[in-house]
C-alpha atoms as a PDB file:
ATOM      1  CA  MET A   1     113.726  56.667 -25.459  1.00  0.00           C
ATOM      2  CA  MET A   2     111.061  57.721 -27.534  1.00  0.00           C
ATOM      3  CA  LYS A   3     107.975  59.443 -26.221  1.00  0.00           C
ATOM      4  CA  LYS A   4     104.770  57.344 -27.147  1.00  0.00           C
ATOM      5  CA  SER A   5     101.950  59.967 -28.992  1.00  0.00           C
ATOM      6  CA  LEU A   6      99.034  59.906 -27.143  1.00  0.00           C
ATOM      7  CA  SER A   7      97.031  58.523 -30.266  1.00  0.00           C
ATOM      8  CA  ALA A   8      98.715  55.446 -29.619  1.00  0.00           C
ATOM      9  CA  LEU A   9      96.385  54.688 -26.132  1.00  0.00           C
ATOM     10  CA  PRO A  10      93.455  53.058 -26.264  1.00  0.00           C
ATOM     11  CA  ASN A  11      90.060  55.575 -26.490  1.00  0.00           C
ATOM     12  CA  ILE A  12      92.704  58.434 -27.193  1.00  0.00           C
ATOM     13  CA  GLY A  13      91.730  59.708 -31.323  1.00  0.00           C
ATOM     14  CA  ALA A  14      92.633  62.807 -33.166  1.00  0.00           C
ATOM     15  CA  ARG A  15      89.895  65.053 -31.472  1.00  0.00           C
ATOM     16  CA  LEU A  16      90.814  63.973 -27.746  1.00  0.00           C
ATOM     17  CA  SER A  17      94.440  64.174 -28.158  1.00  0.00           C
ATOM     18  CA  GLU A  18      94.231  67.385 -29.485  1.00  0.00           C
ATOM     19  CA  THR A  19      92.119  68.385 -26.688  1.00  0.00           C
ATOM     20  CA  LEU A  20      94.815  67.183 -24.607  1.00  0.00           C
ATOM     21  CA  ILE A  21      97.799  68.627 -26.422  1.00  0.00           C
ATOM     22  CA  LYS A  22      95.644  72.183 -25.990  1.00  0.00           C
ATOM     23  CA  ALA A  23      95.461  71.355 -21.957  1.00  0.00           C
ATOM     24  CA  GLY A  24      99.102  70.846 -21.949  1.00  0.00           C
ATOM     25  CA  ILE A  25      99.590  67.352 -21.503  1.00  0.00           C
ATOM     26  CA  LYS A  26     101.689  66.348 -25.015  1.00  0.00           C
ATOM     27  CA  THR A  27     102.571  62.452 -24.584  1.00  0.00           C
ATOM     28  CA  ALA A  28     101.132  59.226 -23.038  1.00  0.00           C
ATOM     29  CA  GLU A  29     103.617  59.222 -20.287  1.00  0.00           C
ATOM     30  CA  GLU A  30     102.911  62.985 -19.314  1.00  0.00           C
ATOM     31  CA  LEU A  31      98.976  61.503 -19.313  1.00  0.00           C
ATOM     32  CA  LYS A  32     100.067  58.520 -17.064  1.00  0.00           C
ATOM     33  CA  LYS A  33     101.932  60.825 -14.601  1.00  0.00           C
ATOM     34  CA  THR A  34      98.876  63.347 -14.603  1.00  0.00           C
ATOM     35  CA  GLY A  35      96.535  61.119 -14.003  1.00  0.00           C
ATOM     36  CA  SER A  36      92.661  60.725 -15.269  1.00  0.00           C
ATOM     37  CA  ARG A  37      91.180  63.389 -12.660  1.00  0.00           C
ATOM     38  CA  LYS A  38      93.608  66.170 -13.042  1.00  0.00           C
ATOM     39  CA  ALA A  39      93.439  65.401 -16.754  1.00  0.00           C
ATOM     40  CA  ILE A  40      89.792  66.200 -17.094  1.00  0.00           C
ATOM     41  CA  GLN A  41      90.126  68.987 -14.945  1.00  0.00           C
ATOM     42  CA  LEU A  42      93.069  70.674 -17.001  1.00  0.00           C
ATOM     43  CA  ILE A  43      90.760  70.143 -20.134  1.00  0.00           C
ATOM     44  CA  HIS A  44      88.109  71.749 -18.366  1.00  0.00           C
ATOM     45  CA  ALA A  45      90.232  74.804 -16.930  1.00  0.00           C
ATOM     46  CA  HIS A  46      91.467  74.904 -20.540  1.00  0.00           C
ATOM     47  CA  ASP A  47      88.606  74.637 -22.719  1.00  0.00           C
ATOM     48  CA  ASN A  48      85.602  76.545 -20.373  1.00  0.00           C
ATOM     49  CA  LYS A  49      82.770  73.774 -21.725  1.00  0.00           C
ATOM     50  CA  GLN A  50      81.876  70.709 -19.488  1.00  0.00           C
ATOM     51  CA  PRO A  51      83.815  67.699 -20.062  1.00  0.00           C
ATOM     52  CA  CYS A  52      81.540  64.433 -20.214  1.00  0.00           C
ATOM     53  CA  LEU A  53      81.585  61.595 -17.980  1.00  0.00           C
ATOM     54  CA  ASN A  54      83.058  59.309 -20.786  1.00  0.00           C
ATOM     55  CA  MET A  55      86.007  61.552 -21.660  1.00  0.00           C
ATOM     56  CA  LEU A  56      86.926  60.909 -17.965  1.00  0.00           C
ATOM     57  CA  TYR A  57      86.541  57.184 -18.518  1.00  0.00           C
ATOM     58  CA  ALA A  58      88.613  57.075 -21.710  1.00  0.00           C
ATOM     59  CA  LEU A  59      91.460  59.111 -20.002  1.00  0.00           C
ATOM     60  CA  GLU A  60      91.336  56.441 -17.367  1.00  0.00           C
ATOM     61  CA  GLY A  61      91.268  53.397 -19.691  1.00  0.00           C
ATOM     62  CA  ALA A  62      94.014  55.250 -21.580  1.00  0.00           C
ATOM     63  CA  ILE A  63      95.927  55.291 -18.797  1.00  0.00           C
ATOM     64  CA  GLN A  64      95.480  51.587 -17.946  1.00  0.00           C
ATOM     65  CA  ASP A  65      95.734  50.495 -21.518  1.00  0.00           C
ATOM     66  CA  ILE A  66      92.486  49.263 -22.089  1.00  0.00           C
ATOM     67  CA  ARG A  67      89.246  50.429 -23.621  1.00  0.00           C
ATOM     68  CA  TRP A  68      87.144  52.383 -21.299  1.00  0.00           C
ATOM     69  CA  HIS A  69      84.398  49.626 -21.577  1.00  0.00           C
ATOM     70  CA  SER A  70      86.524  47.400 -19.888  1.00  0.00           C
ATOM     71  CA  LEU A  71      87.137  49.571 -16.956  1.00  0.00           C
ATOM     72  CA  SER A  72      85.844  48.017 -13.484  1.00  0.00           C
ATOM     73  CA  LYS A  73      82.432  48.701 -12.045  1.00  0.00           C
ATOM     74  CA  GLU A  74      83.952  50.173  -9.120  1.00  0.00           C
ATOM     75  CA  LYS A  75      86.745  52.097 -11.015  1.00  0.00           C
ATOM     76  CA  LYS A  76      83.596  54.079 -12.904  1.00  0.00           C
ATOM     77  CA  GLU A  77      81.783  54.502  -9.789  1.00  0.00           C
ATOM     78  CA  GLU A  78      84.534  56.052  -8.244  1.00  0.00           C
ATOM     79  CA  LEU A  79      85.150  58.107 -11.153  1.00  0.00           C
ATOM     80  CA  LYS A  80      81.540  59.252 -11.572  1.00  0.00           C
ATOM     81  CA  GLU A  81      81.529  60.279  -7.879  1.00  0.00           C
ATOM     82  CA  PHE A  82      84.443  62.521  -8.479  1.00  0.00           C
ATOM     83  CA  TYR A  83      82.890  63.742 -12.316  1.00  0.00           C
ATOM     84  CA  GLU A  84      79.642  64.679 -10.260  1.00  0.00           C
ATOM     85  CA  ILE A  85      81.903  66.401  -7.322  1.00  0.00           C
ATOM     86  CA  MET A  86      83.719  68.242  -9.980  1.00  0.00           C
ATOM     87  CA  ARG A  87      80.599  69.473 -12.109  1.00  0.00           C
ATOM     88  CA  LYS A  88      78.990  70.714  -8.951  1.00  0.00           C
ATOM     89  CA  ASP A  89      82.109  72.651  -8.223  1.00  0.00           C
ATOM     90  CA  ASN A  90      82.042  74.204 -11.445  1.00  0.00           C
ATOM     91  CA  THR A  91      78.659  75.194 -11.140  1.00  0.00           C
ATOM     92  CA  LYS A  92      78.948  77.635  -8.327  1.00  0.00           C
ATOM     93  CA  LYS A  93      81.740  79.876 -10.501  1.00  0.00           C
END
């Protein structure tokens, strides 16, 4: 079975694809297995810059195979809560 490239997913352009690869996530399958929350943490750990909330939405949308704008309101709220906690934790370091 051929592995699907990251850029074949919705929301994943060349820059985000490159960022994911640098963080150790090289295929669409790996992203789906990793999940959006862990992926954003890996990106942050590797890049050392605070990733934005929209990047987290983009990753979740890619995993669900939809544009991030189409994420449910509940999913966006859930991700936003996670993001705020992650951001607070990272500012303590």
